[in-house]
PDB file of N, CA and C in Angstrom:
ATOM      1  N   UNK A   1     103.849 105.050 110.898  1.00  0.00           N
ATOM      2  CA  UNK A   1     103.049 105.534 109.830  1.00  0.00           C
ATOM      3  C   UNK A   1     102.080 104.149 109.425  1.00  0.00           C
ATOM      4  N   UNK A   2     100.806 104.353 109.251  1.00  0.00           N
ATOM      5  CA  UNK A   2      99.920 103.430 109.262  1.00  0.00           C
ATOM      6  C   UNK A   2      99.893 102.746 107.796  1.00  0.00           C
ATOM      7  N   UNK A   3      99.686 101.566 107.629  1.00  0.00           N
ATOM      8  CA  UNK A   3      99.421 100.905 106.403  1.00  0.00           C
ATOM      9  C   UNK A   3      98.005 100.651 106.270  1.00  0.00           C
ATOM     10  N   UNK A   4      97.714 101.256 105.157  1.00  0.00           N
ATOM     11  CA  UNK A   4      96.126 101.268 104.637  1.00  0.00           C
ATOM     12  C   UNK A   4      95.968 100.468 103.272  1.00  0.00           C
ATOM     13  N   UNK A   5      95.149  99.539 103.405  1.00  0.00           N
ATOM     14  CA  UNK A   5      94.881  98.683 102.057  1.00  0.00           C
ATOM     15  C   UNK A   5      93.410  98.537 101.989  1.00  0.00           C
ATOM     16  N   UNK A   6      92.954  98.512 100.716  1.00  0.00           N
ATOM     17  CA  UNK A   6      91.624  98.307 100.322  1.00  0.00           C
ATOM     18  C   UNK A   6      91.318  96.836  99.437  1.00  0.00           C
ATOM     19  N   UNK A   7      90.151  96.401  99.951  1.00  0.00           N
ATOM     20  CA  UNK A   7      90.101  95.001  99.352  1.00  0.00           C
ATOM     21  C   UNK A   7      88.680  95.160  98.955  1.00  0.00           C
ATOM     22  N   UNK A   8      88.114  94.045  97.959  1.00  0.00           N
ATOM     23  CA  UNK A   8      86.924  93.969  97.429  1.00  0.00           C
ATOM     24  C   UNK A   8      86.813  92.194  97.463  1.00  0.00           C
ATOM     25  N   UNK A   9      85.454  91.685  97.735  1.00  0.00           N
ATOM     26  CA  UNK A   9      85.313  90.243  97.263  1.00  0.00           C
ATOM     27  C   UNK A   9      83.953  90.144  98.050  1.00  0.00           C
ATOM     28  N   UNK A  10      83.686  88.741  97.876  1.00  0.00           N
ATOM     29  CA  UNK A  10      82.347  88.226  98.200  1.00  0.00           C
ATOM     30  C   UNK A  10      82.218  88.348  99.676  1.00  0.00           C
ATOM     31  N   UNK A  11      80.998  88.418 100.105  1.00  0.00           N
ATOM     32  CA  UNK A  11      80.666  88.551 101.503  1.00  0.00           C
ATOM     33  C   UNK A  11      81.233  87.147 102.348  1.00  0.00           C
ATOM     34  N   UNK A  12      81.287  86.183 101.500  1.00  0.00           N
ATOM     35  CA  UNK A  12      81.618  84.897 102.056  1.00  0.00           C
ATOM     36  C   UNK A  12      82.122  84.048 100.759  1.00  0.00           C
ATOM     37  N   UNK A  13      82.940  83.050 101.127  1.00  0.00           N
ATOM     38  CA  UNK A  13      83.220  82.260  99.783  1.00  0.00           C
ATOM     39  C   UNK A  13      81.766  81.687  99.116  1.00  0.00           C
ATOM     40  N   UNK A  14      81.675  81.937  97.986  1.00  0.00           N
ATOM     41  CA  UNK A  14      80.516  81.559  97.274  1.00  0.00           C
ATOM     42  C   UNK A  14      79.346  82.331  97.376  1.00  0.00           C
ATOM     43  N   UNK A  15      79.411  83.364  98.165  1.00  0.00           N
ATOM     44  CA  UNK A  15      78.290  84.411  98.667  1.00  0.00           C
ATOM     45  C   UNK A  15      77.764  85.092  97.486  1.00  0.00           C
ATOM     46  N   UNK A  16      76.592  85.651  97.584  1.00  0.00           N
ATOM     47  CA  UNK A  16      76.096  86.321  96.499  1.00  0.00           C
ATOM     48  C   UNK A  16      76.368  87.877  96.836  1.00  0.00           C
ATOM     49  N   UNK A  17      76.636  88.171  98.071  1.00  0.00           N
ATOM     50  CA  UNK A  17      76.956  89.820  98.453  1.00  0.00           C
ATOM     51  C   UNK A  17      78.378  90.072  98.107  1.00  0.00           C
ATOM     52  N   UNK A  18      78.728  91.162  98.479  1.00  0.00           N
ATOM     53  CA  UNK A  18      79.883  91.675  98.093  1.00  0.00           C
ATOM     54  C   UNK A  18      80.334  92.577  99.251  1.00  0.00           C
ATOM     55  N   UNK A  19      81.729  92.482  99.833  1.00  0.00           N
ATOM     56  CA  UNK A  19      82.102  93.533 100.552  1.00  0.00           C
ATOM     57  C   UNK A  19      83.433  94.221 100.226  1.00  0.00           C
ATOM     58  N   UNK A  20      83.355  95.619 100.070  1.00  0.00           N
ATOM     59  CA  UNK A  20      84.581  96.617 100.007  1.00  0.00           C
ATOM     60  C   UNK A  20      85.023  97.148 101.310  1.00  0.00           C
ATOM     61  N   UNK A  21      86.299  96.871 101.706  1.00  0.00           N
ATOM     62  CA  UNK A  21      86.880  97.163 102.845  1.00  0.00           C
ATOM     63  C   UNK A  21      88.123  98.020 102.782  1.00  0.00           C
ATOM     64  N   UNK A  22      88.094  99.130 103.590  1.00  0.00           N
ATOM     65  CA  UNK A  22      89.362  99.728 104.185  1.00  0.00           C
ATOM     66  C   UNK A  22      89.877  99.225 105.432  1.00  0.00           C
ATOM     67  N   UNK A  23      90.945  98.654 105.226  1.00  0.00           N
ATOM     68  CA  UNK A  23      91.814  98.165 106.346  1.00  0.00           C
ATOM     69  C   UNK A  23      92.968  98.996 106.558  1.00  0.00           C
ATOM     70  N   UNK A  24      92.935  99.337 107.916  1.00  0.00           N
ATOM     71  CA  UNK A  24      94.223 100.118 108.320  1.00  0.00           C
ATOM     72  C   UNK A  24      94.855  99.255 109.536  1.00  0.00           C
ATOM     73  N   UNK A  25      96.225  99.058 109.118  1.00  0.00           N
ATOM     74  CA  UNK A  25      97.310  98.256 110.193  1.00  0.00           C
ATOM     75  C   UNK A  25      96.214  97.054 110.634  1.00  0.00           C
ATOM     76  N   UNK A  26      95.813  96.512 109.681  1.00  0.00           N
ATOM     77  CA  UNK A  26      95.200  95.084 109.882  1.00  0.00           C
ATOM     78  C   UNK A  26      93.668  95.144 110.657  1.00  0.00           C
ATOM     79  N   UNK A  27      93.316  96.195 110.573  1.00  0.00           N
ATOM     80  CA  UNK A  27      91.787  96.231 111.200  1.00  0.00           C
ATOM     81  C   UNK A  27      91.052  97.180 110.373  1.00  0.00           C
ATOM     82  N   UNK A  28      89.925  96.602 110.302  1.00  0.00           N
ATOM     83  CA  UNK A  28      88.890  97.316 109.371  1.00  0.00           C
ATOM     84  C   UNK A  28      88.445  98.700 110.004  1.00  0.00           C
ATOM     85  N   UNK A  29      88.580  99.662 109.077  1.00  0.00           N
ATOM     86  CA  UNK A  29      88.121 100.902 109.406  1.00  0.00           C
ATOM     87  C   UNK A  29      86.489 101.290 108.863  1.00  0.00           C
ATOM     88  N   UNK A  30      86.510 101.073 107.465  1.00  0.00           N
ATOM     89  CA  UNK A  30      85.175 101.254 106.788  1.00  0.00           C
ATOM     90  C   UNK A  30      85.026  99.975 105.942  1.00  0.00           C
ATOM     91  N   UNK A  31      83.676  99.723 105.791  1.00  0.00           N
ATOM     92  CA  UNK A  31      83.386  98.682 105.084  1.00  0.00           C
ATOM     93  C   UNK A  31      81.927  98.896 104.240  1.00  0.00           C
ATOM     94  N   UNK A  32      81.824  98.561 102.882  1.00  0.00           N
ATOM     95  CA  UNK A  32      80.572  98.785 102.248  1.00  0.00           C
ATOM     96  C   UNK A  32      80.116  97.297 101.625  1.00  0.00           C
ATOM     97  N   UNK A  33      78.716  96.914 102.383  1.00  0.00           N
ATOM     98  CA  UNK A  33      78.252  95.619 102.035  1.00  0.00           C
ATOM     99  C   UNK A  33      76.988  95.711 100.871  1.00  0.00           C
ATOM    100  N   UNK A  34      77.098  94.934 100.105  1.00  0.00           N
ATOM    101  CA  UNK A  34      76.323  95.056  98.968  1.00  0.00           C
ATOM    102  C   UNK A  34      75.743  93.625  98.679  1.00  0.00           C
ATOM    103  N   UNK A  35      74.261  93.274  98.662  1.00  0.00           N
ATOM    104  CA  UNK A  35      73.700  92.317  98.490  1.00  0.00           C
ATOM    105  C   UNK A  35      72.470  92.653  97.744  1.00  0.00           C
ATOM    106  N   UNK A  36      72.408  92.227  96.518  1.00  0.00           N
ATOM    107  CA  UNK A  36      71.367  92.814  95.500  1.00  0.00           C
ATOM    108  C   UNK A  36      71.036  94.305  95.764  1.00  0.00           C
ATOM    109  N   UNK A  37      70.067  94.806  96.048  1.00  0.00           N
ATOM    110  CA  UNK A  37      69.674  96.164  95.992  1.00  0.00           C
ATOM    111  C   UNK A  37      70.010  96.822  97.434  1.00  0.00           C
ATOM    112  N   UNK A  38      70.569  96.031  98.341  1.00  0.00           N
ATOM    113  CA  UNK A  38      70.306  96.338  99.684  1.00  0.00           C
ATOM    114  C   UNK A  38      71.963  96.761  99.880  1.00  0.00           C
ATOM    115  N   UNK A  39      72.413  97.870 100.200  1.00  0.00           N
ATOM    116  CA  UNK A  39      73.690  98.449 100.598  1.00  0.00           C
ATOM    117  C   UNK A  39      73.818  99.019 102.015  1.00  0.00           C
ATOM    118  N   UNK A  40      74.974  98.732 102.570  1.00  0.00           N
ATOM    119  CA  UNK A  40      75.161  98.892 104.150  1.00  0.00           C
ATOM    120  C   UNK A  40      76.449  99.371 104.275  1.00  0.00           C
ATOM    121  N   UNK A  41      76.422 100.613 104.745  1.00  0.00           N
ATOM    122  CA  UNK A  41      78.005 101.224 104.975  1.00  0.00           C
ATOM    123  C   UNK A  41      78.194 101.240 106.597  1.00  0.00           C
ATOM    124  N   UNK A  42      79.583 100.939 106.917  1.00  0.00           N
ATOM    125  CA  UNK A  42      79.714 100.852 108.067  1.00  0.00           C
ATOM    126  C   UNK A  42      81.143 101.205 108.324  1.00  0.00           C
ATOM    127  N   UNK A  43      81.474 102.476 109.484  1.00  0.00           N
ATOM    128  CA  UNK A  43      82.425 102.945 109.657  1.00  0.00           C
ATOM    129  C   UNK A  43      82.958 102.752 111.407  1.00  0.00           C
ATOM    130  N   UNK A  44      84.015 102.718 111.556  1.00  0.00           N
ATOM    131  CA  UNK A  44      84.396 102.357 112.812  1.00  0.00           C
ATOM    132  C   UNK A  44      85.393 103.446 113.431  1.00  0.00           C
ATOM    133  N   UNK A  45      84.985 103.996 114.534  1.00  0.00           N
ATOM    134  CA  UNK A  45      85.919 105.211 114.899  1.00  0.00           C
ATOM    135  C   UNK A  45      87.039 104.782 115.550  1.00  0.00           C
ATOM    136  N   UNK A  46      87.412 103.586 116.366  1.00  0.00           N
ATOM    137  CA  UNK A  46      88.599 103.360 116.637  1.00  0.00           C
ATOM    138  C   UNK A  46      89.036 101.988 116.217  1.00  0.00           C
ATOM    139  N   UNK A  47      88.800 101.692 115.038  1.00  0.00           N
ATOM    140  CA  UNK A  47      89.249 100.439 114.174  1.00  0.00           C
ATOM    141  C   UNK A  47      89.202  99.169 114.718  1.00  0.00           C
ATOM    142  N   UNK A  48      87.835  98.887 115.416  1.00  0.00           N
ATOM    143  CA  UNK A  48      87.916  97.724 116.438  1.00  0.00           C
ATOM    144  C   UNK A  48      87.849  96.457 115.709  1.00  0.00           C
ATOM    145  N   UNK A  49      87.717  96.213 114.686  1.00  0.00           N
ATOM    146  CA  UNK A  49      87.627  95.101 114.045  1.00  0.00           C
ATOM    147  C   UNK A  49      88.861  94.457 113.107  1.00  0.00           C
ATOM    148  N   UNK A  50      89.356  93.414 114.016  1.00  0.00           N
ATOM    149  CA  UNK A  50      90.537  92.515 113.572  1.00  0.00           C
ATOM    150  C   UNK A  50      90.298  91.679 112.292  1.00  0.00           C
ATOM    151  N   UNK A  51      91.208  91.773 111.400  1.00  0.00           N
ATOM    152  CA  UNK A  51      90.897  91.146 109.990  1.00  0.00           C
ATOM    153  C   UNK A  51      92.120  89.899 109.930  1.00  0.00           C
ATOM    154  N   UNK A  52      91.547  88.882 109.760  1.00  0.00           N
ATOM    155  CA  UNK A  52      92.606  87.873 109.516  1.00  0.00           C
ATOM    156  C   UNK A  52      92.778  87.768 108.029  1.00  0.00           C
ATOM    157  N   UNK A  53      93.765  88.476 107.441  1.00  0.00           N
ATOM    158  CA  UNK A  53      93.654  88.382 105.860  1.00  0.00           C
ATOM    159  C   UNK A  53      94.307  87.195 105.415  1.00  0.00           C
ATOM    160  N   UNK A  54      95.120  86.353 106.048  1.00  0.00           N
ATOM    161  CA  UNK A  54      95.311  85.175 105.616  1.00  0.00           C
ATOM    162  C   UNK A  54      94.009  84.101 105.310  1.00  0.00           C
ATOM    163  N   UNK A  55      93.042  84.324 106.188  1.00  0.00           N
ATOM    164  CA  UNK A  55      91.840  83.786 106.117  1.00  0.00           C
ATOM    165  C   UNK A  55      90.998  83.761 104.974  1.00  0.00           C
ATOM    166  N   UNK A  56      91.007  85.271 104.461  1.00  0.00           N
ATOM    167  CA  UNK A  56      90.261  85.855 103.335  1.00  0.00           C
ATOM    168  C   UNK A  56      91.081  85.896 102.128  1.00  0.00           C
ATOM    169  N   UNK A  57      92.403  85.685 102.169  1.00  0.00           N
ATOM    170  CA  UNK A  57      93.078  85.999 101.127  1.00  0.00           C
ATOM    171  C   UNK A  57      92.514  85.185  99.669  1.00  0.00           C
ATOM    172  N   UNK A  58      92.206  84.050  99.730  1.00  0.00           N
ATOM    173  CA  UNK A  58      91.873  83.240  98.557  1.00  0.00           C
ATOM    174  C   UNK A  58      90.591  83.793  97.744  1.00  0.00           C
ATOM    175  N   UNK A  59      89.955  84.353  98.476  1.00  0.00           N
ATOM    176  CA  UNK A  59      88.615  85.226  97.867  1.00  0.00           C
ATOM    177  C   UNK A  59      88.376  86.460  97.865  1.00  0.00           C
ATOM    178  N   UNK A  60      89.601  87.392  98.195  1.00  0.00           N
ATOM    179  CA  UNK A  60      89.556  88.618  98.071  1.00  0.00           C
ATOM    180  C   UNK A  60      90.832  89.270  97.245  1.00  0.00           C
ATOM    181  N   UNK A  61      90.603  90.391  96.661  1.00  0.00           N
ATOM    182  CA  UNK A  61      91.857  90.857  95.932  1.00  0.00           C
ATOM    183  C   UNK A  61      92.033  92.512  96.307  1.00  0.00           C
ATOM    184  N   UNK A  62      92.903  93.083  96.340  1.00  0.00           N
ATOM    185  CA  UNK A  62      93.335  94.381  96.507  1.00  0.00           C
ATOM    186  C   UNK A  62      92.737  95.183  95.522  1.00  0.00           C
ATOM    187  N   UNK A  63      92.327  96.591  95.974  1.00  0.00           N
ATOM    188  CA  UNK A  63      91.934  97.513  94.980  1.00  0.00           C
ATOM    189  C   UNK A  63      92.732  98.677  95.433  1.00  0.00           C
ATOM    190  N   UNK A  64      92.815  99.701  94.465  1.00  0.00           N
ATOM    191  CA  UNK A  64      93.209 101.075  94.943  1.00  0.00           C
ATOM    192  C   UNK A  64      92.315 102.074  95.743  1.00  0.00           C
ATOM    193  N   UNK A  65      92.751 102.905  96.382  1.00  0.00           N
ATOM    194  CA  UNK A  65      92.300 103.981  97.316  1.00  0.00           C
ATOM    195  C   UNK A  65      91.182 104.492  96.354  1.00  0.00           C
ATOM    196  N   UNK A  66      91.220 104.912  95.199  1.00  0.00           N
ATOM    197  CA  UNK A  66      90.390 105.763  94.535  1.00  0.00           C
ATOM    198  C   UNK A  66      88.975 104.903  94.233  1.00  0.00           C
ATOM    199  N   UNK A  67      89.188 103.573  93.727  1.00  0.00           N
ATOM    200  CA  UNK A  67      88.023 102.673  93.792  1.00  0.00           C
ATOM    201  C   UNK A  67      87.361 102.670  94.776  1.00  0.00           C
ATOM    202  N   UNK A  68      87.838 102.492  96.174  1.00  0.00           N
ATOM    203  CA  UNK A  68      87.163 102.536  97.489  1.00  0.00           C
ATOM    204  C   UNK A  68      86.520 103.794  97.494  1.00  0.00           C
ATOM    205  N   UNK A  69      87.038 104.962  97.344  1.00  0.00           N
ATOM    206  CA  UNK A  69      86.360 106.148  97.744  1.00  0.00           C
ATOM    207  C   UNK A  69      85.296 106.438  96.848  1.00  0.00           C
ATOM    208  N   UNK A  70      85.415 106.063  95.640  1.00  0.00           N
ATOM    209  CA  UNK A  70      84.344 106.312  94.515  1.00  0.00           C
ATOM    210  C   UNK A  70      83.167 105.582  94.872  1.00  0.00           C
ATOM    211  N   UNK A  71      83.289 104.119  95.262  1.00  0.00           N
ATOM    212  CA  UNK A  71      82.356 103.477  95.892  1.00  0.00           C
ATOM    213  C   UNK A  71      81.580 104.038  97.325  1.00  0.00           C
ATOM    214  N   UNK A  72      82.466 104.333  98.106  1.00  0.00           N
ATOM    215  CA  UNK A  72      82.224 105.140  99.403  1.00  0.00           C
ATOM    216  C   UNK A  72      81.184 106.166  99.008  1.00  0.00           C
ATOM    217  N   UNK A  73      81.725 107.313  98.149  1.00  0.00           N
ATOM    218  CA  UNK A  73      80.836 108.432  97.795  1.00  0.00           C
ATOM    219  C   UNK A  73      79.454 107.955  97.178  1.00  0.00           C
ATOM    220  N   UNK A  74      79.523 106.937  96.341  1.00  0.00           N
ATOM    221  CA  UNK A  74      78.291 106.641  95.562  1.00  0.00           C
ATOM    222  C   UNK A  74      77.303 105.996  96.526  1.00  0.00           C
ATOM    223  N   UNK A  75      77.622 105.273  97.541  1.00  0.00           N
ATOM    224  CA  UNK A  75      76.685 104.529  98.344  1.00  0.00           C
ATOM    225  C   UNK A  75      76.502 105.223  99.458  1.00  0.00           C
ATOM    226  N   UNK A  76      77.565 105.613 100.133  1.00  0.00           N
ATOM    227  CA  UNK A  76      77.573 106.217 101.439  1.00  0.00           C
ATOM    228  C   UNK A  76      77.618 107.900 101.927  1.00  0.00           C
ATOM    229  N   UNK A  77      77.809 108.517 100.880  1.00  0.00           N
ATOM    230  CA  UNK A  77      77.949 109.987 101.097  1.00  0.00           C
ATOM    231  C   UNK A  77      79.402 110.108 101.072  1.00  0.00           C
ATOM    232  N   UNK A  78      79.783 111.304 101.727  1.00  0.00           N
ATOM    233  CA  UNK A  78      81.036 111.813 101.801  1.00  0.00           C
ATOM    234  C   UNK A  78      81.998 110.898 102.614  1.00  0.00           C
ATOM    235  N   UNK A  79      83.348 111.230 102.292  1.00  0.00           N
ATOM    236  CA  UNK A  79      84.562 110.531 102.936  1.00  0.00           C
ATOM    237  C   UNK A  79      84.589 111.228 104.560  1.00  0.00           C
TER     238      UNK A  79
END
């Protein structure tokens, strides 16, 4: 069974942008990048992006699935 978690945080420590991510078994599946009025939605078919959660834990926080799905529907269309 896969472990799915959702995170929100700045695009980098002290950055002005924001990333909201869906992480499946430690690999990013979908993400929303926002910086000012620019929004980019990225989805990965085979979950190819490894995430070092220990490296980003200081400036990200976990959110629930509904919050992620609401943001995805708002900015990226359907799930």
